[in-house]
Amino acid sequence: MKRILQSVLFVMLLVGITACTEELDFNQFDDLEATPTYEAGIFYLEAPEDIINLVSGQSVFSQNFNFDAFSSDIFSDRVIDGVITYVVENTTSKELNITIEFLDENENVTDTEFFSIQPAPTAIIQREITYGDSGESIDIIKTLSTIRVSAENLGNNTSTSNLPEPLITLKSSGKFRVRLK
């Protein structure tokens, strides 16, 4: 009896295994469409008010940052669209103009963002720039090689904010959809 029960269980197991399988389709990869979203910080800058006061003239800061991450083939050939978010906070007594320029590898300006910042107390400025079908050309992102940031002090070099540790802060991040294949 034990042998018959084992035989019946073996046959049922064999039927169950073959009933639950289907032919493998190795062409499924061709049908796969995966577009993950990647998000990362791009830059973070801050300048304390006492440093701004040390600079004579209007130009407080001007710097080029090499940024080839977007122009690498693995990203630029697959990026679909995205958003760059800028956040500016001013707790200084200074009125400032901030300009952010995107440059390609030939140093041609492909995009510019301009911020006119009032002295503290001001609200935090947040701006989102869309690239792709619903915004600016995605080619701006694909060819980005350098980011130029400059700031001008439209105020004076003696005033001081009454807020603790006054400074101007500028940060940005990017969020982009990318095709995997």
C-alpha atoms as a PDB file:
ATOM      1  CA  MET A   1       0.000   0.000   0.000  1.00  0.00           C
ATOM      2  CA  LYS A   2       2.837   2.361   0.829  1.00  0.00           C
ATOM      3  CA  ARG A   3       4.357   1.723  -2.607  1.00  0.00           C
ATOM      4  CA  ILE A   4       1.085   2.514  -4.388  1.00  0.00           C
ATOM      5  CA  LEU A   5       0.720   5.766  -2.438  1.00  0.00           C
ATOM      6  CA  GLN A   6       4.286   6.781  -3.370  1.00  0.00           C
ATOM      7  CA  SER A   7       3.613   6.000  -7.033  1.00  0.00           C
ATOM      8  CA  VAL A   8       0.396   8.043  -7.036  1.00  0.00           C
ATOM      9  CA  LEU A   9       2.161  11.018  -5.379  1.00  0.00           C
ATOM     10  CA  PHE A  10       5.015  10.779  -7.890  1.00  0.00           C
ATOM     11  CA  VAL A  11       2.591  10.781 -10.842  1.00  0.00           C
ATOM     12  CA  MET A  12       0.654  13.749  -9.362  1.00  0.00           C
ATOM     13  CA  LEU A  13       3.911  15.666  -8.838  1.00  0.00           C
ATOM     14  CA  LEU A  14       5.005  14.933 -12.400  1.00  0.00           C
ATOM     15  CA  VAL A  15       1.629  16.078 -13.795  1.00  0.00           C
ATOM     16  CA  GLY A  16       1.736  19.204 -11.630  1.00  0.00           C
ATOM     17  CA  ILE A  17       5.202  20.185 -12.803  1.00  0.00           C
ATOM     18  CA  THR A  18       4.450  19.743 -16.492  1.00  0.00           C
ATOM     19  CA  ALA A  19       1.059  21.443 -16.226  1.00  0.00           C
ATOM     20  CA  CYS A  20       2.576  24.618 -14.748  1.00  0.00           C
ATOM     21  CA  THR A  21       5.315  25.177 -17.282  1.00  0.00           C
ATOM     22  CA  GLU A  22       5.244  26.932 -20.579  1.00  0.00           C
ATOM     23  CA  GLU A  23       7.714  27.284 -23.355  1.00  0.00           C
ATOM     24  CA  LEU A  24      10.431  29.851 -22.636  1.00  0.00           C
ATOM     25  CA  ASP A  25      10.473  32.958 -24.799  1.00  0.00           C
ATOM     26  CA  PHE A  26      14.019  34.260 -25.018  1.00  0.00           C
ATOM     27  CA  ASN A  27      12.877  37.216 -27.186  1.00  0.00           C
ATOM     28  CA  GLN A  28      11.100  38.868 -24.242  1.00  0.00           C
ATOM     29  CA  PHE A  29      14.054  41.202 -23.780  1.00  0.00           C
ATOM     30  CA  ASP A  30      13.240  42.793 -27.145  1.00  0.00           C
ATOM     31  CA  ASP A  31       9.776  43.687 -25.820  1.00  0.00           C
ATOM     32  CA  LEU A  32      11.068  45.057 -22.518  1.00  0.00           C
ATOM     33  CA  GLU A  33      10.650  48.788 -22.023  1.00  0.00           C
ATOM     34  CA  ALA A  34      12.193  50.085 -18.827  1.00  0.00           C
ATOM     35  CA  THR A  35      12.595  53.792 -18.125  1.00  0.00           C
ATOM     36  CA  PRO A  36      13.874  54.325 -14.593  1.00  0.00           C
ATOM     37  CA  THR A  37      14.103  57.806 -13.119  1.00  0.00           C
ATOM     38  CA  TYR A  38      17.474  58.898 -11.733  1.00  0.00           C
ATOM     39  CA  GLU A  39      17.819  61.774  -9.303  1.00  0.00           C
ATOM     40  CA  ALA A  40      21.003  63.397  -8.019  1.00  0.00           C
ATOM     41  CA  GLY A  41      22.413  66.667  -6.772  1.00  0.00           C
ATOM     42  CA  ILE A  42      24.192  68.801  -9.356  1.00  0.00           C
ATOM     43  CA  PHE A  43      25.833  71.540  -7.276  1.00  0.00           C
ATOM     44  CA  TYR A  44      25.697  73.275  -3.911  1.00  0.00           C
ATOM     45  CA  LEU A  45      27.191  76.721  -3.298  1.00  0.00           C
ATOM     46  CA  GLU A  46      27.055  79.076  -0.353  1.00  0.00           C
ATOM     47  CA  ALA A  47      28.669  82.410   0.388  1.00  0.00           C
ATOM     48  CA  PRO A  48      28.598  83.974   3.879  1.00  0.00           C
ATOM     49  CA  GLU A  49      27.771  87.667   4.040  1.00  0.00           C
ATOM     50  CA  ASP A  50      31.123  88.581   5.622  1.00  0.00           C
ATOM     51  CA  ILE A  51      32.911  87.092   2.584  1.00  0.00           C
ATOM     52  CA  ILE A  52      30.588  89.016   0.218  1.00  0.00           C
ATOM     53  CA  ASN A  53      31.502  92.219   2.116  1.00  0.00           C
ATOM     54  CA  LEU A  54      35.215  91.565   1.528  1.00  0.00           C
ATOM     55  CA  VAL A  55      34.790  91.586  -2.264  1.00  0.00           C
ATOM     56  CA  SER A  56      35.074  95.029  -3.830  1.00  0.00           C
ATOM     57  CA  GLY A  57      32.891  95.808  -6.817  1.00  0.00           C
ATOM     58  CA  GLN A  58      29.743  94.078  -7.964  1.00  0.00           C
ATOM     59  CA  SER A  59      31.145  90.696  -8.997  1.00  0.00           C
ATOM     60  CA  VAL A  60      31.005  88.449  -5.937  1.00  0.00           C
ATOM     61  CA  PHE A  61      31.618  85.130  -7.593  1.00  0.00           C
ATOM     62  CA  SER A  62      32.194  83.649 -11.032  1.00  0.00           C
ATOM     63  CA  GLN A  63      33.264  80.069 -11.521  1.00  0.00           C
ATOM     64  CA  ASN A  64      33.137  77.404 -14.235  1.00  0.00           C
ATOM     65  CA  PHE A  65      32.468  73.841 -13.114  1.00  0.00           C
ATOM     66  CA  ASN A  66      33.344  70.945 -15.400  1.00  0.00           C
ATOM     67  CA  PHE A  67      30.233  68.776 -15.673  1.00  0.00           C
ATOM     68  CA  ASP A  68      30.501  65.984 -18.225  1.00  0.00           C
ATOM     69  CA  ALA A  69      28.143  63.553 -16.477  1.00  0.00           C
ATOM     70  CA  PHE A  70      25.210  64.340 -18.787  1.00  0.00           C
ATOM     71  CA  SER A  71      27.233  64.280 -22.000  1.00  0.00           C
ATOM     72  CA  SER A  72      28.584  60.746 -21.474  1.00  0.00           C
ATOM     73  CA  ASP A  73      27.206  58.346 -24.100  1.00  0.00           C
ATOM     74  CA  ILE A  74      25.615  56.041 -21.544  1.00  0.00           C
ATOM     75  CA  PHE A  75      23.387  58.928 -20.407  1.00  0.00           C
ATOM     76  CA  SER A  76      23.029  61.198 -23.447  1.00  0.00           C
ATOM     77  CA  ASP A  77      22.057  58.375 -25.825  1.00  0.00           C
ATOM     78  CA  ARG A  78      19.256  57.235 -23.501  1.00  0.00           C
ATOM     79  CA  VAL A  79      17.892  60.275 -21.662  1.00  0.00           C
ATOM     80  CA  ILE A  80      14.236  60.967 -22.487  1.00  0.00           C
ATOM     81  CA  ASP A  81      13.315  63.972 -20.373  1.00  0.00           C
ATOM     82  CA  GLY A  82      13.839  65.505 -16.969  1.00  0.00           C
ATOM     83  CA  VAL A  83      13.724  68.425 -14.588  1.00  0.00           C
ATOM     84  CA  ILE A  84      16.441  70.511 -12.981  1.00  0.00           C
ATOM     85  CA  THR A  85      15.389  72.142  -9.718  1.00  0.00           C
ATOM     86  CA  TYR A  86      17.141  75.219  -8.326  1.00  0.00           C
ATOM     87  CA  VAL A  87      16.709  76.412  -4.742  1.00  0.00           C
ATOM     88  CA  VAL A  88      18.016  79.827  -3.671  1.00  0.00           C
ATOM     89  CA  GLU A  89      17.934  81.162  -0.121  1.00  0.00           C
ATOM     90  CA  ASN A  90      19.223  84.594   0.904  1.00  0.00           C
ATOM     91  CA  THR A  91      19.594  85.501   4.568  1.00  0.00           C
ATOM     92  CA  THR A  92      22.031  88.364   3.828  1.00  0.00           C
ATOM     93  CA  SER A  93      21.307  92.086   3.637  1.00  0.00           C
ATOM     94  CA  LYS A  94      22.399  92.049  -0.016  1.00  0.00           C
ATOM     95  CA  GLU A  95      20.399  92.335  -3.208  1.00  0.00           C
ATOM     96  CA  LEU A  96      22.005  89.872  -5.606  1.00  0.00           C
ATOM     97  CA  ASN A  97      21.773  88.741  -9.215  1.00  0.00           C
ATOM     98  CA  ILE A  98      22.743  85.137  -9.886  1.00  0.00           C
ATOM     99  CA  THR A  99      23.288  83.743 -13.375  1.00  0.00           C
ATOM    100  CA  ILE A 100      23.662  80.036 -14.191  1.00  0.00           C
ATOM    101  CA  GLU A 101      24.815  79.154 -17.697  1.00  0.00           C
ATOM    102  CA  PHE A 102      25.094  75.748 -19.354  1.00  0.00           C
ATOM    103  CA  LEU A 103      27.928  75.456 -21.850  1.00  0.00           C
ATOM    104  CA  ASP A 104      28.672  72.732 -24.395  1.00  0.00           C
ATOM    105  CA  GLU A 105      32.182  71.364 -25.004  1.00  0.00           C
ATOM    106  CA  ASN A 106      32.935  74.311 -27.367  1.00  0.00           C
ATOM    107  CA  GLU A 107      31.975  76.755 -24.563  1.00  0.00           C
ATOM    108  CA  ASN A 108      28.815  77.889 -26.373  1.00  0.00           C
ATOM    109  CA  VAL A 109      26.068  78.935 -23.952  1.00  0.00           C
ATOM    110  CA  THR A 110      23.113  76.585 -24.505  1.00  0.00           C
ATOM    111  CA  ASP A 111      20.874  77.642 -21.588  1.00  0.00           C
ATOM    112  CA  THR A 112      20.739  80.420 -18.979  1.00  0.00           C
ATOM    113  CA  GLU A 113      18.839  80.842 -15.737  1.00  0.00           C
ATOM    114  CA  PHE A 114      18.753  84.226 -14.024  1.00  0.00           C
ATOM    115  CA  PHE A 115      17.761  84.914 -10.416  1.00  0.00           C
ATOM    116  CA  SER A 116      17.139  88.380  -8.987  1.00  0.00           C
ATOM    117  CA  ILE A 117      17.419  87.987  -5.219  1.00  0.00           C
ATOM    118  CA  GLN A 118      16.111  90.554  -2.743  1.00  0.00           C
ATOM    119  CA  PRO A 119      17.753  91.155   0.671  1.00  0.00           C
ATOM    120  CA  ALA A 120      16.552  89.148   3.673  1.00  0.00           C
ATOM    121  CA  PRO A 121      13.989  88.464   4.839  1.00  0.00           C
ATOM    122  CA  THR A 122      12.904  86.760   1.625  1.00  0.00           C
ATOM    123  CA  ALA A 123      11.153  83.546   0.774  1.00  0.00           C
ATOM    124  CA  ILE A 124      13.138  80.617  -0.517  1.00  0.00           C
ATOM    125  CA  ILE A 125      13.049  80.638  -4.316  1.00  0.00           C
ATOM    126  CA  GLN A 126      12.502  77.274  -5.980  1.00  0.00           C
ATOM    127  CA  ARG A 127      12.436  76.977  -9.771  1.00  0.00           C
ATOM    128  CA  GLU A 128      12.002  73.862 -11.880  1.00  0.00           C
ATOM    129  CA  ILE A 129      13.154  73.784 -15.507  1.00  0.00           C
ATOM    130  CA  THR A 130      11.795  70.948 -17.645  1.00  0.00           C
ATOM    131  CA  TYR A 131      13.799  69.441 -20.498  1.00  0.00           C
ATOM    132  CA  GLY A 132      12.362  67.165 -23.188  1.00  0.00           C
ATOM    133  CA  ASP A 133       9.073  67.173 -25.091  1.00  0.00           C
ATOM    134  CA  SER A 134       7.252  69.386 -22.584  1.00  0.00           C
ATOM    135  CA  GLY A 135      10.010  71.940 -22.013  1.00  0.00           C
ATOM    136  CA  GLU A 136      13.422  73.075 -23.158  1.00  0.00           C
ATOM    137  CA  SER A 137      15.322  71.003 -25.713  1.00  0.00           C
ATOM    138  CA  ILE A 138      16.770  67.795 -24.272  1.00  0.00           C
ATOM    139  CA  ASP A 139      19.865  68.517 -26.394  1.00  0.00           C
ATOM    140  CA  ILE A 140      20.804  71.189 -23.835  1.00  0.00           C
ATOM    141  CA  ILE A 141      21.247  68.409 -21.286  1.00  0.00           C
ATOM    142  CA  LYS A 142      22.892  65.972 -23.706  1.00  0.00           C
ATOM    143  CA  THR A 143      25.623  68.468 -24.646  1.00  0.00           C
ATOM    144  CA  LEU A 144      26.223  69.975 -21.182  1.00  0.00           C
ATOM    145  CA  SER A 145      29.944  70.111 -20.430  1.00  0.00           C
ATOM    146  CA  THR A 146      30.388  73.119 -18.141  1.00  0.00           C
ATOM    147  CA  ILE A 147      28.209  74.983 -15.663  1.00  0.00           C
ATOM    148  CA  ARG A 148      29.107  78.643 -15.111  1.00  0.00           C
ATOM    149  CA  VAL A 149      27.751  80.316 -11.976  1.00  0.00           C
ATOM    150  CA  SER A 150      28.180  84.025 -11.327  1.00  0.00           C
ATOM    151  CA  ALA A 151      26.799  86.365  -8.676  1.00  0.00           C
ATOM    152  CA  GLU A 152      26.676  90.147  -8.468  1.00  0.00           C
ATOM    153  CA  ASN A 153      26.177  92.224  -5.317  1.00  0.00           C
ATOM    154  CA  LEU A 154      23.777  95.045  -6.146  1.00  0.00           C
ATOM    155  CA  GLY A 155      23.927  96.330  -2.573  1.00  0.00           C
ATOM    156  CA  ASN A 156      26.899  97.642  -0.609  1.00  0.00           C
ATOM    157  CA  ASN A 157      29.874  96.051   1.121  1.00  0.00           C
ATOM    158  CA  THR A 158      29.194  97.238   4.649  1.00  0.00           C
ATOM    159  CA  SER A 159      25.661  96.246   5.656  1.00  0.00           C
ATOM    160  CA  THR A 160      25.127  93.138   7.733  1.00  0.00           C
ATOM    161  CA  SER A 161      21.977  91.104   8.198  1.00  0.00           C
ATOM    162  CA  ASN A 162      20.585  90.825  11.718  1.00  0.00           C
ATOM    163  CA  LEU A 163      19.895  87.106  11.111  1.00  0.00           C
ATOM    164  CA  PRO A 164      22.342  84.569  12.576  1.00  0.00           C
ATOM    165  CA  GLU A 165      25.050  83.391  10.141  1.00  0.00           C
ATOM    166  CA  PRO A 166      23.710  85.221   7.054  1.00  0.00           C
ATOM    167  CA  LEU A 167      24.587  83.666   3.719  1.00  0.00           C
ATOM    168  CA  ILE A 168      23.375  83.096   0.201  1.00  0.00           C
ATOM    169  CA  THR A 169      22.759  79.443  -0.674  1.00  0.00           C
ATOM    170  CA  LEU A 170      22.266  78.044  -4.162  1.00  0.00           C
ATOM    171  CA  LYS A 171      21.661  74.374  -4.825  1.00  0.00           C
ATOM    172  CA  SER A 172      20.388  72.315  -7.698  1.00  0.00           C
ATOM    173  CA  SER A 173      19.360  68.766  -8.440  1.00  0.00           C
ATOM    174  CA  GLY A 174      18.298  66.844 -11.503  1.00  0.00           C
ATOM    175  CA  LYS A 175      15.707  64.143 -12.051  1.00  0.00           C
ATOM    176  CA  PHE A 176      15.780  62.381 -15.423  1.00  0.00           C
ATOM    177  CA  ARG A 177      14.033  59.467 -17.117  1.00  0.00           C
ATOM    178  CA  VAL A 178      16.420  57.206 -19.013  1.00  0.00           C
ATOM    179  CA  ARG A 179      15.767  54.289 -21.400  1.00  0.00           C
ATOM    180  CA  LEU A 180      17.675  51.184 -20.339  1.00  0.00           C
ATOM    181  CA  LYS A 181      18.046  49.849 -23.864  1.00  0.00           C
END
